[in-house]
Each structure stands twice: as C-alpha cells, then as structure tokens.
Amino acid sequence: MMTRHQAGRFDDWRARMAVRGGPLTHAVARAGWAVLAVVGVVVMTVVAMVWAINPSEEATDNGPAANFMGAFILGVPFGAVVFGLIGVAVQYAARSWLRTPTAAERDTARAAQRPASPYTDDGLLAGGRWAQSYERCAASLRSFHTVVTTLPDGPGRNWLTDVGSTLDDELREALRLAKLGDGLAPDGHAIAGTPRRIADLLTSAERSFAQTADRAAAIALDLRKDTGFEAVRAQLDTLAAQTPHLRASGL
C-alpha cells in the first residue's frame, strides 16, 4: 500500500514531467485543448483549400478565393471547437498518465514494502559478529584485487593474480566458518569450544587479509618504480606467506 508521502510524489503532474514523457506529451499535458484546437484549425484550413479547388455543383459559380473564404470562415471555428473539446480529454489523459509511476518506481516501491531480510546476501545474520568478521575479510580482498588491476602486464602482476586466486579460496573458507559460527552461536557469544576456535580463526584471517592487501599496495608502488621482477621477489614471497590458511584449520 502506498503511503501518503509516496502518493504525494505523483500528484504533481508538472514535477512528474522530469521523469516521464517527452516534449509532445508535456505540451499536451500543459494545454492539450490548445494543441488540438490548432490541429483543428490546420485540418479545416486544408479542407477549405480542397473545397476551393474542388467545389460542389452549387459553388461552381464562385471563384476559388470566395469558396476558400466561405469554407474557412465556417469550418475553422467549428474545427477549433470540436478539436479543442477533444483536446480537453486528451489533456486530462496525459496528466493522469504522468501521475502514474514508472515500472522502475513500482519495483522500488514493492521492494521497500517487503520486510527486510534478517540475513545478508551471503546467508549470514545481518549485523552479527560472524557477518561483520566475514565482511572485513571480503573488504580487504576487494582492495587486493583492485590493486592488482592497476598493475601492467608482467611477472609481478601474474604472481599477484595467483595469490589472489588463493585468497579467493580462503575467503570461501572464511564464509563457511562464519556460517558455522552463525549456526553454533548466532548471538556471537563465542566463549568456548568450537565457536571460540572459529572466532579466533576469523580474527586471525581478518589481520592476514588486511596485511596482504597493504603489502600488495606497497609492492604495486615498487613495481611501478622498477619493473624488474627480481627487485620485488622477496616481498612477493613474504606476501604469499602472509595469506590466511583457514583451509588448513581442520574445522
């Protein structure tokens, strides 16, 4: 159901012109009666011209100019009134159409009316300890991949790309552990036992992911200064050793 505030957004057809319709629709919405009246004048003027060229038997004695003026004087006011009345209806229809929400706006309204899911897209309890821990790991990994994309092609980038693949696997393991923690201790109180061990592993993984991203940024700076792969080989070996090792946890 649409709220009063949402309904108010669609009441002003003038404001709706910013998101719906084109120049013709907007002109009709502003003064449809006038637009159609002008059309009526044009149509009846053309009719008067045709009548002047091809008059009926009763008007053959008159000249073309007289026939045209006679048809113009009688037909144009009639056409303007009839088409103007039609324009009033078209104007009302155009304004009503402008007030209706677009498909995108309807989708947004439906989404807003759905109850918020208590879970994240990754299936973790939103705002919980395990979801926050996993998100910190994921954020560091996103930073790592961003750094890699800035590097030119070469051995250094290839090495970091391979490290990134390893980190992707470790992040999947971090998600698995976070879901396990969510199931065992949804309140986040990992005091002892398996929940405590999972919490320690994820805390360590957070540090490892963050340190790996920071070191990758430092290596990237060095690679831009000196493209020689051997110049940063030792740093790359250190970075590889810093990566999380969650898959070896045995859980």
Protein backbone atom coordinates (compact mmCIF):
# COMPACT_ATOMS: atom_id res chain seq x y z
CA MET A 1 0.00 0.00 0.00
CA MET A 2 1.37 3.44 -0.96
CA THR A 3 1.97 5.88 1.87
CA ARG A 4 0.66 9.47 1.88
CA HIS A 5 4.20 10.76 1.25
CA GLN A 6 4.68 8.39 -1.70
CA ALA A 7 1.28 9.31 -3.14
CA GLY A 8 2.15 13.00 -2.89
CA ARG A 9 5.16 12.46 -5.12
CA PHE A 10 2.82 11.53 -8.01
CA ASP A 11 0.10 14.17 -7.51
CA ASP A 12 2.03 17.00 -9.18
CA TRP A 13 1.95 16.20 -12.90
CA ARG A 14 4.26 19.15 -13.62
CA ALA A 15 7.00 17.68 -11.40
CA ARG A 16 6.45 14.27 -13.00
CA MET A 17 7.48 15.67 -16.39
CA ALA A 18 11.08 15.38 -15.17
CA VAL A 19 10.83 11.58 -15.21
CA ARG A 20 8.07 10.71 -17.69
CA GLY A 21 7.09 11.57 -21.25
CA GLY A 22 8.60 13.67 -23.99
CA PRO A 23 8.07 17.17 -25.45
CA LEU A 24 4.80 16.26 -27.18
CA THR A 25 3.31 14.60 -24.09
CA HIS A 26 4.38 17.55 -21.95
CA ALA A 27 2.83 20.05 -24.36
CA VAL A 28 -0.45 18.13 -24.40
CA ALA A 29 -0.45 17.89 -20.60
CA ARG A 30 0.09 21.65 -20.27
CA ALA A 31 -2.52 22.77 -22.81
CA GLY A 32 -3.99 19.86 -24.69
CA TRP A 33 -7.08 21.84 -25.63
CA ALA A 34 -4.94 24.50 -27.34
CA VAL A 35 -2.74 21.95 -29.13
CA LEU A 36 -5.76 20.12 -30.53
CA ALA A 37 -7.51 23.37 -31.37
CA VAL A 38 -4.53 24.36 -33.50
CA VAL A 39 -4.69 20.94 -35.15
CA GLY A 40 -8.39 21.58 -35.83
CA VAL A 41 -7.59 24.93 -37.43
CA VAL A 42 -4.93 23.33 -39.66
CA VAL A 43 -7.22 20.47 -40.66
CA MET A 44 -10.12 22.74 -41.52
CA THR A 45 -7.82 25.11 -43.42
CA VAL A 46 -6.70 22.18 -45.56
CA VAL A 47 -10.34 21.18 -46.03
CA ALA A 48 -11.16 24.74 -47.11
CA MET A 49 -8.32 24.66 -49.64
CA VAL A 50 -9.54 21.36 -51.06
CA TRP A 51 -13.09 22.76 -51.20
CA ALA A 52 -11.85 25.82 -53.07
CA ILE A 53 -10.14 23.65 -55.69
CA ASN A 54 -12.93 21.08 -55.99
CA PRO A 55 -16.20 22.84 -55.04
CA SER A 56 -19.62 21.21 -55.15
CA GLU A 57 -22.03 21.90 -58.01
CA GLU A 58 -23.75 24.64 -56.01
CA ALA A 59 -20.47 26.54 -55.55
CA THR A 60 -19.06 26.23 -59.09
CA ASP A 61 -20.25 29.73 -59.97
CA ASN A 62 -18.00 31.22 -57.24
CA GLY A 63 -14.31 31.79 -57.67
CA PRO A 64 -11.72 29.68 -55.77
CA ALA A 65 -10.94 32.57 -53.42
CA ALA A 66 -14.58 33.01 -52.49
CA ASN A 67 -15.05 29.30 -51.98
CA PHE A 68 -11.96 29.17 -49.80
CA MET A 69 -13.01 32.12 -47.63
CA GLY A 70 -16.51 30.73 -47.21
CA ALA A 71 -15.25 27.31 -46.15
CA PHE A 72 -12.58 28.87 -43.98
CA ILE A 73 -14.97 31.15 -42.10
CA LEU A 74 -17.43 28.34 -41.43
CA GLY A 75 -15.07 25.43 -40.97
CA VAL A 76 -12.18 26.80 -38.93
CA PRO A 77 -14.20 27.87 -35.85
CA PHE A 78 -16.07 24.56 -35.97
CA GLY A 79 -12.82 22.58 -36.20
CA ALA A 80 -11.19 24.59 -33.44
CA VAL A 81 -14.11 23.98 -31.06
CA VAL A 82 -14.50 20.28 -31.82
CA PHE A 83 -10.79 19.51 -31.70
CA GLY A 84 -10.41 21.72 -28.63
CA LEU A 85 -13.03 19.68 -26.78
CA ILE A 86 -11.21 16.51 -27.79
CA GLY A 87 -8.01 18.17 -26.54
CA VAL A 88 -9.52 18.67 -23.08
CA ALA A 89 -9.99 14.89 -22.78
CA VAL A 90 -6.51 14.20 -24.18
CA GLN A 91 -5.03 16.77 -21.77
CA TYR A 92 -6.69 15.04 -18.82
CA ALA A 93 -5.44 11.63 -20.02
CA ALA A 94 -1.87 12.95 -20.42
CA ARG A 95 -1.84 14.39 -16.92
CA SER A 96 -3.23 11.15 -15.48
CA TRP A 97 -0.53 9.19 -17.30
CA LEU A 98 2.20 11.47 -15.95
CA ARG A 99 0.94 10.87 -12.41
CA THR A 100 1.30 7.09 -12.71
CA PRO A 101 4.61 5.57 -11.50
CA THR A 102 7.08 4.11 -13.96
CA ALA A 103 7.93 0.40 -13.93
CA ALA A 104 11.17 1.16 -12.10
CA GLU A 105 9.31 3.21 -9.49
CA ARG A 106 6.79 0.41 -8.97
CA ASP A 107 9.61 -2.08 -8.49
CA THR A 108 11.29 0.23 -5.97
CA ALA A 109 8.03 0.67 -4.06
CA ARG A 110 7.44 -3.07 -3.93
CA ALA A 111 10.98 -3.67 -2.72
CA ALA A 112 10.56 -1.04 0.00
CA GLN A 113 7.36 -2.71 1.21
CA ARG A 114 8.97 -6.12 1.57
CA PRO A 115 10.11 -6.89 5.10
CA ALA A 116 13.87 -6.54 5.38
CA SER A 117 15.64 -9.89 5.43
CA PRO A 118 17.48 -10.62 8.67
CA TYR A 119 20.24 -12.21 6.60
CA THR A 120 22.90 -10.82 4.31
CA ASP A 121 23.27 -11.85 0.68
CA ASP A 122 25.90 -14.33 1.88
CA GLY A 123 23.43 -16.05 4.19
CA LEU A 124 24.79 -14.66 7.47
CA LEU A 125 22.78 -12.99 10.22
CA ALA A 126 22.89 -9.29 9.30
CA GLY A 127 24.84 -7.16 11.77
CA GLY A 128 26.02 -10.20 13.69
CA ARG A 129 29.56 -10.92 14.82
CA TRP A 130 30.16 -13.52 12.14
CA ALA A 131 28.79 -11.39 9.29
CA GLN A 132 30.95 -8.43 10.33
CA SER A 133 34.07 -10.56 10.59
CA TYR A 134 33.49 -12.07 7.15
CA GLU A 135 32.75 -8.66 5.60
CA ARG A 136 36.06 -7.28 6.90
CA CYS A 137 37.88 -10.16 5.20
CA ALA A 138 35.91 -9.61 1.99
CA ALA A 139 36.61 -5.86 2.01
CA SER A 140 40.36 -6.45 2.29
CA LEU A 141 40.23 -8.93 -0.58
CA ARG A 142 38.34 -6.46 -2.76
CA SER A 143 41.09 -3.93 -2.08
CA PHE A 144 43.71 -6.52 -3.04
CA HIS A 145 42.03 -7.27 -6.38
CA THR A 146 41.67 -3.54 -7.09
CA VAL A 147 45.43 -3.09 -6.60
CA VAL A 148 46.17 -5.97 -8.98
CA THR A 149 44.02 -4.47 -11.74
CA THR A 150 46.15 -1.30 -11.68
CA LEU A 151 49.38 -3.16 -12.50
CA PRO A 152 50.79 -3.52 -16.01
CA ASP A 153 51.07 -6.98 -17.50
CA GLY A 154 54.18 -8.86 -16.40
CA PRO A 155 55.53 -11.42 -13.94
CA GLY A 156 54.65 -9.28 -10.92
CA ARG A 157 51.01 -9.00 -11.88
CA ASN A 158 50.86 -12.70 -12.74
CA TRP A 159 52.28 -13.57 -9.31
CA LEU A 160 49.76 -11.37 -7.52
CA THR A 161 46.95 -12.80 -9.63
CA ASP A 162 47.90 -16.29 -8.46
CA VAL A 163 47.96 -15.05 -4.86
CA GLY A 164 44.52 -13.55 -5.46
CA SER A 165 43.16 -16.94 -6.53
CA THR A 166 44.47 -18.43 -3.28
CA LEU A 167 42.84 -15.61 -1.32
CA ASP A 168 39.53 -16.25 -3.10
CA ASP A 169 39.63 -19.84 -1.86
CA GLU A 170 40.47 -18.66 1.65
CA LEU A 171 37.57 -16.20 1.59
CA ARG A 172 35.19 -19.01 0.66
CA GLU A 173 36.52 -20.92 3.66
CA ALA A 174 36.03 -17.82 5.82
CA LEU A 175 32.39 -17.73 4.72
CA ARG A 176 31.95 -21.40 5.57
CA LEU A 177 33.41 -20.85 9.03
CA ALA A 178 31.28 -17.75 9.56
CA LYS A 179 28.14 -19.71 8.67
CA LEU A 180 29.23 -22.45 11.06
CA GLY A 181 29.71 -19.85 13.78
CA ASP A 182 26.30 -18.38 12.95
CA GLY A 183 24.73 -21.76 13.45
CA LEU A 184 26.54 -22.62 16.68
CA ALA A 185 26.46 -19.19 18.32
CA PRO A 186 24.03 -16.86 16.47
CA ASP A 187 24.26 -14.35 19.32
CA GLY A 188 28.00 -14.04 18.69
CA HIS A 189 28.98 -15.14 22.21
CA ALA A 190 31.89 -17.42 21.34
CA ILE A 191 33.05 -18.21 24.88
CA ALA A 192 34.47 -21.69 24.49
CA GLY A 193 34.61 -24.77 22.30
CA THR A 194 34.20 -24.70 18.54
CA PRO A 195 32.65 -21.19 18.41
CA ARG A 196 35.67 -19.81 20.28
CA ARG A 197 38.04 -21.53 17.85
CA ILE A 198 36.10 -20.21 14.85
CA ALA A 199 36.19 -16.70 16.29
CA ASP A 200 39.97 -16.90 16.77
CA LEU A 201 40.47 -18.22 13.23
CA LEU A 202 38.36 -15.46 11.68
CA THR A 203 40.07 -12.77 13.76
CA SER A 204 43.43 -14.03 12.55
CA ALA A 205 42.11 -14.16 8.99
CA GLU A 206 40.97 -10.55 9.21
CA ARG A 207 44.50 -9.47 10.10
CA SER A 208 46.03 -11.65 7.38
CA PHE A 209 43.70 -10.37 4.66
CA ALA A 210 44.33 -6.75 5.70
CA GLN A 211 48.13 -7.21 5.85
CA THR A 212 48.13 -8.93 2.47
CA ALA A 213 46.17 -6.08 0.88
CA ASP A 214 48.51 -3.49 2.42
CA ARG A 215 51.63 -5.32 1.27
CA ALA A 216 50.19 -5.77 -2.23
CA ALA A 217 49.70 -1.99 -2.43
CA ALA A 218 53.35 -1.44 -1.39
CA ILE A 219 54.56 -3.97 -3.96
CA ALA A 220 52.49 -2.30 -6.64
CA LEU A 221 54.22 1.01 -5.94
CA ASP A 222 57.64 -0.66 -6.22
CA LEU A 223 56.68 -2.37 -9.47
CA ARG A 224 55.75 0.98 -10.97
CA LYS A 225 59.16 2.39 -9.97
CA ASP A 226 61.18 -0.62 -11.07
CA THR A 227 59.54 -3.14 -13.39
CA GLY A 228 62.25 -5.72 -12.63
CA PHE A 229 60.52 -8.76 -11.14
CA GLU A 230 63.54 -9.83 -9.10
CA ALA A 231 63.57 -6.46 -7.33
CA VAL A 232 60.31 -7.34 -5.55
CA ARG A 233 60.65 -11.12 -5.44
CA ALA A 234 61.43 -11.16 -1.71
CA GLN A 235 58.38 -9.00 -0.98
CA LEU A 236 56.20 -11.34 -3.02
CA ASP A 237 57.47 -14.34 -1.07
CA THR A 238 56.63 -12.53 2.18
CA LEU A 239 53.19 -11.67 0.87
CA ALA A 240 52.49 -15.29 -0.06
CA ALA A 241 53.47 -16.36 3.46
CA GLN A 242 51.10 -13.77 4.97
CA THR A 243 47.98 -15.10 3.29
CA PRO A 244 45.39 -16.74 5.57
CA HIS A 245 45.47 -20.50 5.94
CA LEU A 246 41.91 -21.22 7.01
CA ARG A 247 41.60 -24.33 4.85
CA ALA A 248 44.27 -25.98 6.98
CA SER A 249 42.34 -25.35 10.21
CA GLY A 250 40.75 -28.77 10.27
CA LEU A 251 37.26 -27.47 11.09
